[in-house]
Amino acid sequence: MSRKMFVNLPVSDLPRSVTFFSALGFRFDPAFTDERASAMVVSDDAFVMLLVEPFFTQFTGQPVPRTREVVLALSADSPDEVDDLVARAFAAGGSKAQDKMVDGPMYGWSFLDPDGHHWELIHLAPSVVEPRRTTQADLSRSTDARPVDGRQH
């Protein structure tokens, strides 16, 4: 079963965040956008819900954390696209998170959005990301393999 991913991020100024991510080329779904939230479309199956801080706390029951416990990583089609998107983030008001990184077949660079969320753009050489389906035979070769429901069959 394919699932959609919704990442919820607190923002202090929703219009500023929408303007920032629009400058990076993201679009927003008006059906899930109001004065409290805006649904940023990453792909057909991935969305980032930008939520004003008071609305975000309704989901967590906790104050908005002031730490960076997650890095939001997005794929890019080329090293040039990595550079372009990060440069656009800087031009739109983002700031540097880390230096450019080259590690074998991986190229990346990162920025902080206006609310301090850490975003990383990554390009992987095509030979590294060739899709490979896991088969039932692959699972049965593993001594720890269990079906998704967790029962022994």
N, C-alpha and C. Protein backbone atom coordinates (compact mmCIF):
# COMPACT_ATOMS: atom_id res chain seq x y z
N MET A 1 0.84 -1.19 0.00
CA MET A 1 0.00 0.00 0.00
C MET A 1 0.88 1.24 0.00
N SER A 2 0.62 2.13 -0.89
CA SER A 2 1.33 3.41 -0.95
C SER A 2 0.68 4.36 0.05
N ARG A 3 1.50 5.13 0.74
CA ARG A 3 0.98 6.10 1.71
C ARG A 3 1.43 7.50 1.33
N LYS A 4 0.63 8.46 1.73
CA LYS A 4 1.01 9.85 1.58
C LYS A 4 1.71 10.29 2.86
N MET A 5 2.64 11.23 2.73
CA MET A 5 3.36 11.75 3.89
C MET A 5 2.97 13.21 4.10
N PHE A 6 2.61 13.54 5.33
CA PHE A 6 2.30 14.91 5.72
C PHE A 6 3.22 15.28 6.88
N VAL A 7 4.11 16.22 6.64
CA VAL A 7 5.00 16.71 7.69
C VAL A 7 4.43 18.04 8.17
N ASN A 8 4.21 18.15 9.47
CA ASN A 8 3.67 19.38 10.05
C ASN A 8 4.81 20.20 10.64
N LEU A 9 4.93 21.46 10.23
CA LEU A 9 5.97 22.35 10.74
C LEU A 9 5.35 23.62 11.32
N PRO A 10 5.77 24.01 12.52
CA PRO A 10 5.29 25.28 13.05
C PRO A 10 5.98 26.45 12.38
N VAL A 11 5.24 27.50 12.10
CA VAL A 11 5.81 28.72 11.52
C VAL A 11 5.28 29.93 12.31
N SER A 12 6.12 30.94 12.42
CA SER A 12 5.71 32.13 13.17
C SER A 12 4.95 33.13 12.30
N ASP A 13 5.17 33.08 10.99
CA ASP A 13 4.54 34.03 10.06
C ASP A 13 4.18 33.26 8.79
N LEU A 14 2.94 32.84 8.70
CA LEU A 14 2.50 31.99 7.59
C LEU A 14 2.68 32.65 6.23
N PRO A 15 2.25 33.89 6.03
CA PRO A 15 2.47 34.50 4.70
C PRO A 15 3.95 34.57 4.32
N ARG A 16 4.83 34.87 5.29
CA ARG A 16 6.27 34.92 5.00
C ARG A 16 6.76 33.54 4.57
N SER A 17 6.31 32.48 5.24
CA SER A 17 6.73 31.12 4.89
C SER A 17 6.23 30.71 3.51
N VAL A 18 4.99 31.05 3.20
CA VAL A 18 4.44 30.73 1.88
C VAL A 18 5.22 31.48 0.80
N THR A 19 5.54 32.74 1.04
CA THR A 19 6.33 33.51 0.07
C THR A 19 7.71 32.89 -0.10
N PHE A 20 8.34 32.49 1.00
CA PHE A 20 9.68 31.89 0.95
C PHE A 20 9.66 30.62 0.11
N PHE A 21 8.77 29.69 0.41
CA PHE A 21 8.76 28.42 -0.31
C PHE A 21 8.25 28.56 -1.74
N SER A 22 7.40 29.54 -1.99
CA SER A 22 6.98 29.82 -3.37
C SER A 22 8.18 30.26 -4.20
N ALA A 23 9.10 31.02 -3.60
CA ALA A 23 10.30 31.47 -4.31
C ALA A 23 11.21 30.30 -4.66
N LEU A 24 11.05 29.17 -3.96
CA LEU A 24 11.83 27.97 -4.27
C LEU A 24 11.11 27.10 -5.31
N GLY A 25 9.91 27.51 -5.71
CA GLY A 25 9.19 26.79 -6.76
C GLY A 25 8.11 25.86 -6.25
N PHE A 26 7.85 25.85 -4.95
CA PHE A 26 6.79 24.99 -4.43
C PHE A 26 5.44 25.65 -4.64
N ARG A 27 4.42 24.80 -4.79
CA ARG A 27 3.06 25.32 -4.91
C ARG A 27 2.27 24.89 -3.67
N PHE A 28 1.13 25.50 -3.46
CA PHE A 28 0.31 25.24 -2.29
C PHE A 28 -1.08 24.84 -2.70
N ASP A 29 -1.65 23.88 -1.99
CA ASP A 29 -2.98 23.38 -2.29
C ASP A 29 -4.01 24.26 -1.58
N PRO A 30 -4.78 25.05 -2.34
CA PRO A 30 -5.74 25.97 -1.71
C PRO A 30 -6.84 25.24 -0.93
N ALA A 31 -7.10 23.98 -1.24
CA ALA A 31 -8.13 23.24 -0.51
C ALA A 31 -7.73 22.99 0.94
N PHE A 32 -6.44 23.06 1.23
CA PHE A 32 -5.95 22.82 2.59
C PHE A 32 -5.14 24.02 3.09
N THR A 33 -5.63 25.20 2.76
CA THR A 33 -4.95 26.42 3.14
C THR A 33 -5.97 27.40 3.70
N ASP A 34 -5.66 27.96 4.86
CA ASP A 34 -6.46 29.03 5.43
C ASP A 34 -5.52 29.91 6.25
N GLU A 35 -6.06 30.71 7.17
CA GLU A 35 -5.21 31.62 7.94
C GLU A 35 -4.36 30.89 8.98
N ARG A 36 -4.65 29.60 9.24
CA ARG A 36 -3.89 28.83 10.23
C ARG A 36 -2.87 27.89 9.62
N ALA A 37 -3.06 27.54 8.35
CA ALA A 37 -2.23 26.50 7.75
C ALA A 37 -2.18 26.64 6.24
N SER A 38 -1.12 26.09 5.66
CA SER A 38 -1.02 26.04 4.21
C SER A 38 -0.32 24.74 3.83
N ALA A 39 -0.90 24.02 2.87
CA ALA A 39 -0.37 22.73 2.44
C ALA A 39 0.59 22.91 1.28
N MET A 40 1.88 22.76 1.55
CA MET A 40 2.91 22.86 0.50
C MET A 40 3.04 21.50 -0.17
N VAL A 41 2.92 21.49 -1.48
CA VAL A 41 3.00 20.24 -2.24
C VAL A 41 4.46 19.97 -2.60
N VAL A 42 4.99 18.86 -2.09
CA VAL A 42 6.35 18.44 -2.41
C VAL A 42 6.30 17.48 -3.60
N SER A 43 5.32 16.58 -3.58
CA SER A 43 5.09 15.63 -4.67
C SER A 43 3.65 15.15 -4.57
N ASP A 44 3.27 14.22 -5.43
CA ASP A 44 1.91 13.68 -5.36
C ASP A 44 1.64 12.99 -4.04
N ASP A 45 2.68 12.54 -3.36
CA ASP A 45 2.51 11.78 -2.13
C ASP A 45 3.16 12.41 -0.91
N ALA A 46 3.70 13.60 -1.03
CA ALA A 46 4.38 14.24 0.10
C ALA A 46 3.99 15.71 0.20
N PHE A 47 3.63 16.11 1.42
CA PHE A 47 3.17 17.46 1.67
C PHE A 47 3.81 17.97 2.96
N VAL A 48 4.04 19.27 3.02
CA VAL A 48 4.49 19.91 4.25
C VAL A 48 3.38 20.87 4.66
N MET A 49 2.82 20.61 5.82
CA MET A 49 1.78 21.49 6.36
C MET A 49 2.47 22.56 7.20
N LEU A 50 2.42 23.79 6.71
CA LEU A 50 2.96 24.91 7.46
C LEU A 50 1.84 25.41 8.37
N LEU A 51 2.05 25.29 9.67
CA LEU A 51 1.01 25.60 10.64
C LEU A 51 1.45 26.76 11.53
N VAL A 52 0.60 27.78 11.68
CA VAL A 52 0.96 28.84 12.62
C VAL A 52 1.13 28.20 13.99
N GLU A 53 2.04 28.76 14.77
CA GLU A 53 2.45 28.11 16.02
C GLU A 53 1.28 27.75 16.95
N PRO A 54 0.31 28.65 17.19
CA PRO A 54 -0.80 28.24 18.08
C PRO A 54 -1.59 27.04 17.54
N PHE A 55 -1.74 26.96 16.24
CA PHE A 55 -2.45 25.83 15.63
C PHE A 55 -1.61 24.56 15.75
N PHE A 56 -0.30 24.67 15.53
CA PHE A 56 0.60 23.52 15.66
C PHE A 56 0.49 22.91 17.06
N THR A 57 0.43 23.74 18.09
CA THR A 57 0.38 23.21 19.46
C THR A 57 -0.92 22.46 19.75
N GLN A 58 -1.96 22.71 18.98
CA GLN A 58 -3.19 21.93 19.15
C GLN A 58 -2.98 20.47 18.76
N PHE A 59 -2.03 20.20 17.87
CA PHE A 59 -1.74 18.83 17.45
C PHE A 59 -0.82 18.12 18.45
N THR A 60 0.07 18.89 19.07
CA THR A 60 1.06 18.28 19.95
C THR A 60 0.71 18.34 21.43
N GLY A 61 -0.10 19.33 21.82
CA GLY A 61 -0.38 19.53 23.23
C GLY A 61 0.83 20.04 24.00
N GLN A 62 1.84 20.49 23.27
CA GLN A 62 3.09 20.96 23.86
C GLN A 62 3.47 22.30 23.24
N PRO A 63 4.30 23.08 23.95
CA PRO A 63 4.81 24.30 23.32
C PRO A 63 5.65 23.95 22.09
N VAL A 64 5.80 24.90 21.19
CA VAL A 64 6.62 24.70 20.00
C VAL A 64 8.07 24.50 20.44
N PRO A 65 8.70 23.40 20.03
CA PRO A 65 10.09 23.17 20.44
C PRO A 65 11.02 24.17 19.75
N ARG A 66 12.09 24.50 20.40
CA ARG A 66 13.06 25.44 19.84
C ARG A 66 14.38 24.74 19.51
N THR A 67 14.30 23.45 19.22
CA THR A 67 15.49 22.69 18.85
C THR A 67 15.32 22.19 17.42
N ARG A 68 16.42 21.73 16.85
CA ARG A 68 16.37 21.11 15.52
C ARG A 68 16.59 19.62 15.69
N GLU A 69 15.52 18.88 15.73
CA GLU A 69 15.67 17.44 15.91
C GLU A 69 15.46 16.66 14.62
N VAL A 70 15.23 17.38 13.53
CA VAL A 70 15.00 16.71 12.25
C VAL A 70 15.61 17.55 11.13
N VAL A 71 16.11 16.86 10.13
CA VAL A 71 16.55 17.52 8.91
C VAL A 71 15.61 17.05 7.81
N LEU A 72 14.99 17.97 7.13
CA LEU A 72 14.07 17.65 6.04
C LEU A 72 14.89 17.57 4.77
N ALA A 73 15.03 16.40 4.21
CA ALA A 73 15.87 16.20 3.03
C ALA A 73 15.00 15.95 1.80
N LEU A 74 15.32 16.66 0.74
CA LEU A 74 14.62 16.52 -0.53
C LEU A 74 15.60 16.13 -1.61
N SER A 75 15.16 15.31 -2.53
CA SER A 75 16.03 14.90 -3.63
C SER A 75 16.07 16.00 -4.69
N ALA A 76 17.17 16.00 -5.43
CA ALA A 76 17.33 16.91 -6.56
C ALA A 76 17.82 16.09 -7.75
N ASP A 77 17.49 16.54 -8.94
CA ASP A 77 17.85 15.80 -10.15
C ASP A 77 19.31 15.92 -10.54
N SER A 78 20.00 16.94 -9.99
CA SER A 78 21.40 17.16 -10.36
C SER A 78 22.08 18.02 -9.30
N PRO A 79 23.41 18.02 -9.28
CA PRO A 79 24.11 18.96 -8.39
C PRO A 79 23.75 20.42 -8.71
N ASP A 80 23.54 20.73 -9.98
CA ASP A 80 23.15 22.09 -10.35
C ASP A 80 21.81 22.47 -9.73
N GLU A 81 20.88 21.52 -9.69
CA GLU A 81 19.58 21.82 -9.07
C GLU A 81 19.74 22.03 -7.57
N VAL A 82 20.62 21.26 -6.93
CA VAL A 82 20.90 21.47 -5.51
C VAL A 82 21.37 22.91 -5.31
N ASP A 83 22.38 23.31 -6.08
CA ASP A 83 22.94 24.66 -5.94
C ASP A 83 21.90 25.73 -6.22
N ASP A 84 21.08 25.52 -7.24
CA ASP A 84 20.06 26.50 -7.61
C ASP A 84 19.03 26.68 -6.50
N LEU A 85 18.52 25.58 -5.96
CA LEU A 85 17.49 25.68 -4.93
C LEU A 85 18.03 26.31 -3.65
N VAL A 86 19.23 25.96 -3.26
CA VAL A 86 19.80 26.54 -2.04
C VAL A 86 20.10 28.03 -2.27
N ALA A 87 20.60 28.39 -3.43
CA ALA A 87 20.83 29.81 -3.73
C ALA A 87 19.52 30.59 -3.70
N ARG A 88 18.45 29.99 -4.23
CA ARG A 88 17.14 30.64 -4.20
C ARG A 88 16.64 30.78 -2.76
N ALA A 89 16.93 29.77 -1.93
CA ALA A 89 16.54 29.86 -0.51
C ALA A 89 17.27 31.02 0.16
N PHE A 90 18.57 31.17 -0.11
CA PHE A 90 19.32 32.29 0.47
C PHE A 90 18.75 33.62 -0.01
N ALA A 91 18.45 33.72 -1.29
CA ALA A 91 17.93 34.97 -1.86
C ALA A 91 16.56 35.32 -1.28
N ALA A 92 15.79 34.30 -0.88
CA ALA A 92 14.44 34.53 -0.37
C ALA A 92 14.42 34.75 1.14
N GLY A 93 15.60 34.73 1.78
CA GLY A 93 15.63 35.00 3.21
C GLY A 93 16.09 33.84 4.08
N GLY A 94 16.43 32.72 3.47
CA GLY A 94 16.95 31.59 4.23
C GLY A 94 18.40 31.85 4.62
N SER A 95 18.94 31.00 5.47
CA SER A 95 20.33 31.16 5.89
C SER A 95 21.07 29.83 5.79
N LYS A 96 22.38 29.90 5.87
CA LYS A 96 23.23 28.72 5.72
C LYS A 96 23.05 27.77 6.91
N ALA A 97 22.92 26.49 6.60
CA ALA A 97 22.89 25.47 7.64
C ALA A 97 24.23 24.74 7.68
N GLN A 98 24.67 24.23 6.54
CA GLN A 98 25.93 23.49 6.44
C GLN A 98 26.60 23.84 5.12
N ASP A 99 27.90 23.55 5.04
CA ASP A 99 28.63 23.73 3.78
C ASP A 99 28.19 22.67 2.78
N LYS A 100 28.49 22.89 1.52
CA LYS A 100 28.24 21.87 0.50
C LYS A 100 28.98 20.60 0.89
N MET A 101 28.41 19.47 0.53
CA MET A 101 28.97 18.19 0.90
C MET A 101 29.04 17.29 -0.32
N VAL A 102 30.20 16.69 -0.54
CA VAL A 102 30.36 15.68 -1.57
C VAL A 102 30.88 14.43 -0.87
N ASP A 103 30.14 13.35 -0.99
CA ASP A 103 30.53 12.10 -0.33
C ASP A 103 30.28 10.97 -1.32
N GLY A 104 31.29 10.63 -2.10
CA GLY A 104 31.14 9.60 -3.13
C GLY A 104 30.07 10.01 -4.12
N PRO A 105 29.01 9.20 -4.24
CA PRO A 105 27.97 9.49 -5.23
C PRO A 105 26.93 10.51 -4.74
N MET A 106 27.11 11.05 -3.53
CA MET A 106 26.12 11.97 -2.96
C MET A 106 26.66 13.40 -2.93
N TYR A 107 25.80 14.33 -3.38
CA TYR A 107 26.13 15.76 -3.35
C TYR A 107 24.99 16.46 -2.63
N GLY A 108 25.30 17.30 -1.66
CA GLY A 108 24.24 17.98 -0.94
C GLY A 108 24.65 19.34 -0.42
N TRP A 109 23.66 20.10 -0.04
CA TRP A 109 23.84 21.42 0.55
C TRP A 109 22.56 21.72 1.31
N SER A 110 22.66 22.52 2.37
CA SER A 110 21.47 22.74 3.18
C SER A 110 21.31 24.20 3.59
N PHE A 111 20.09 24.51 4.00
CA PHE A 111 19.75 25.87 4.44
C PHE A 111 18.74 25.79 5.57
N LEU A 112 18.60 26.91 6.27
CA LEU A 112 17.56 27.07 7.28
C LEU A 112 16.49 27.98 6.71
N ASP A 113 15.23 27.59 6.85
CA ASP A 113 14.16 28.47 6.39
C ASP A 113 13.99 29.61 7.41
N PRO A 114 13.11 30.59 7.16
CA PRO A 114 12.99 31.72 8.09
C PRO A 114 12.61 31.35 9.52
N ASP A 115 12.03 30.16 9.74
CA ASP A 115 11.70 29.71 11.09
C ASP A 115 12.78 28.82 11.69
N GLY A 116 13.88 28.63 10.96
CA GLY A 116 14.99 27.84 11.49
C GLY A 116 14.90 26.35 11.22
N HIS A 117 13.94 25.91 10.42
CA HIS A 117 13.86 24.49 10.05
C HIS A 117 14.99 24.18 9.07
N HIS A 118 15.64 23.05 9.30
CA HIS A 118 16.82 22.65 8.52
C HIS A 118 16.37 21.82 7.31
N TRP A 119 16.68 22.30 6.11
CA TRP A 119 16.34 21.64 4.86
C TRP A 119 17.61 21.26 4.14
N GLU A 120 17.66 20.06 3.60
CA GLU A 120 18.83 19.62 2.85
C GLU A 120 18.39 19.15 1.47
N LEU A 121 19.14 19.58 0.46
CA LEU A 121 18.91 19.11 -0.91
C LEU A 121 20.01 18.12 -1.22
N ILE A 122 19.62 16.96 -1.75
CA ILE A 122 20.57 15.88 -2.01
C ILE A 122 20.41 15.40 -3.45
N HIS A 123 21.54 15.23 -4.12
CA HIS A 123 21.55 14.55 -5.41
C HIS A 123 22.37 13.28 -5.23
N LEU A 124 21.78 12.15 -5.61
CA LEU A 124 22.47 10.87 -5.60
C LEU A 124 22.69 10.43 -7.04
N ALA A 125 23.89 9.93 -7.32
CA ALA A 125 24.17 9.42 -8.66
C ALA A 125 23.13 8.36 -9.01
N PRO A 126 22.65 8.34 -10.25
CA PRO A 126 21.59 7.40 -10.64
C PRO A 126 21.92 5.94 -10.32
N SER A 127 23.17 5.55 -10.40
CA SER A 127 23.51 4.15 -10.11
C SER A 127 23.24 3.78 -8.66
N VAL A 128 23.18 4.76 -7.77
CA VAL A 128 22.95 4.50 -6.35
C VAL A 128 21.46 4.33 -6.05
N VAL A 129 20.62 4.96 -6.82
CA VAL A 129 19.19 4.98 -6.51
C VAL A 129 18.36 4.11 -7.44
N GLU A 130 18.99 3.20 -8.15
CA GLU A 130 18.22 2.29 -8.99
C GLU A 130 17.17 1.59 -8.14
N PRO A 131 15.91 1.65 -8.53
CA PRO A 131 14.88 1.01 -7.71
C PRO A 131 15.06 -0.50 -7.65
N ARG A 132 14.85 -1.05 -6.48
CA ARG A 132 14.91 -2.49 -6.30
C ARG A 132 13.76 -2.89 -5.42
N ARG A 133 12.94 -3.75 -5.92
CA ARG A 133 11.79 -4.23 -5.16
C ARG A 133 12.22 -5.37 -4.27
N THR A 134 11.79 -5.33 -3.03
CA THR A 134 12.01 -6.44 -2.11
C THR A 134 10.93 -7.46 -2.38
N THR A 135 11.34 -8.69 -2.60
CA THR A 135 10.38 -9.76 -2.89
C THR A 135 10.13 -10.58 -1.63
N GLN A 136 9.10 -11.40 -1.66
CA GLN A 136 8.82 -12.30 -0.55
C GLN A 136 9.99 -13.25 -0.35
N ALA A 137 10.65 -13.68 -1.44
CA ALA A 137 11.81 -14.55 -1.33
C ALA A 137 12.94 -13.86 -0.56
N ASP A 138 13.14 -12.56 -0.81
CA ASP A 138 14.14 -11.80 -0.07
C ASP A 138 13.82 -11.82 1.42
N LEU A 139 12.55 -11.62 1.74
CA LEU A 139 12.14 -11.58 3.14
C LEU A 139 12.30 -12.95 3.80
N SER A 140 12.00 -14.00 3.08
CA SER A 140 12.08 -15.33 3.69
C SER A 140 13.53 -15.74 3.95
N ARG A 141 14.48 -15.15 3.25
CA ARG A 141 15.90 -15.44 3.50
C ARG A 141 16.38 -14.81 4.79
N SER A 142 15.69 -13.80 5.27
CA SER A 142 16.08 -13.14 6.51
C SER A 142 15.52 -13.90 7.70
N THR A 143 16.36 -14.21 8.67
CA THR A 143 15.90 -14.98 9.84
C THR A 143 14.98 -14.17 10.71
N ASP A 144 15.05 -12.85 10.63
CA ASP A 144 14.20 -11.99 11.45
C ASP A 144 12.96 -11.50 10.71
N ALA A 145 12.76 -11.97 9.49
CA ALA A 145 11.65 -11.46 8.69
C ALA A 145 10.32 -11.83 9.29
N ARG A 146 9.44 -10.86 9.37
CA ARG A 146 8.07 -11.07 9.82
C ARG A 146 7.17 -10.32 8.86
N PRO A 147 6.01 -10.85 8.57
CA PRO A 147 5.04 -10.09 7.77
C PRO A 147 4.70 -8.79 8.46
N VAL A 148 4.15 -7.85 7.73
CA VAL A 148 3.82 -6.55 8.28
C VAL A 148 2.92 -6.66 9.49
N ASP A 149 2.04 -7.65 9.53
CA ASP A 149 1.14 -7.79 10.67
C ASP A 149 1.85 -8.35 11.89
N GLY A 150 3.12 -8.75 11.78
CA GLY A 150 3.92 -9.19 12.92
C GLY A 150 3.73 -10.64 13.33
N ARG A 151 2.82 -11.37 12.69
CA ARG A 151 2.56 -12.76 13.08
C ARG A 151 3.46 -13.71 12.30
N GLN A 152 3.79 -14.83 12.93
CA GLN A 152 4.47 -15.92 12.23
C GLN A 152 3.43 -16.65 11.38
N HIS A 153 3.77 -17.00 10.17
CA HIS A 153 2.83 -17.73 9.31
C HIS A 153 3.38 -19.11 9.03
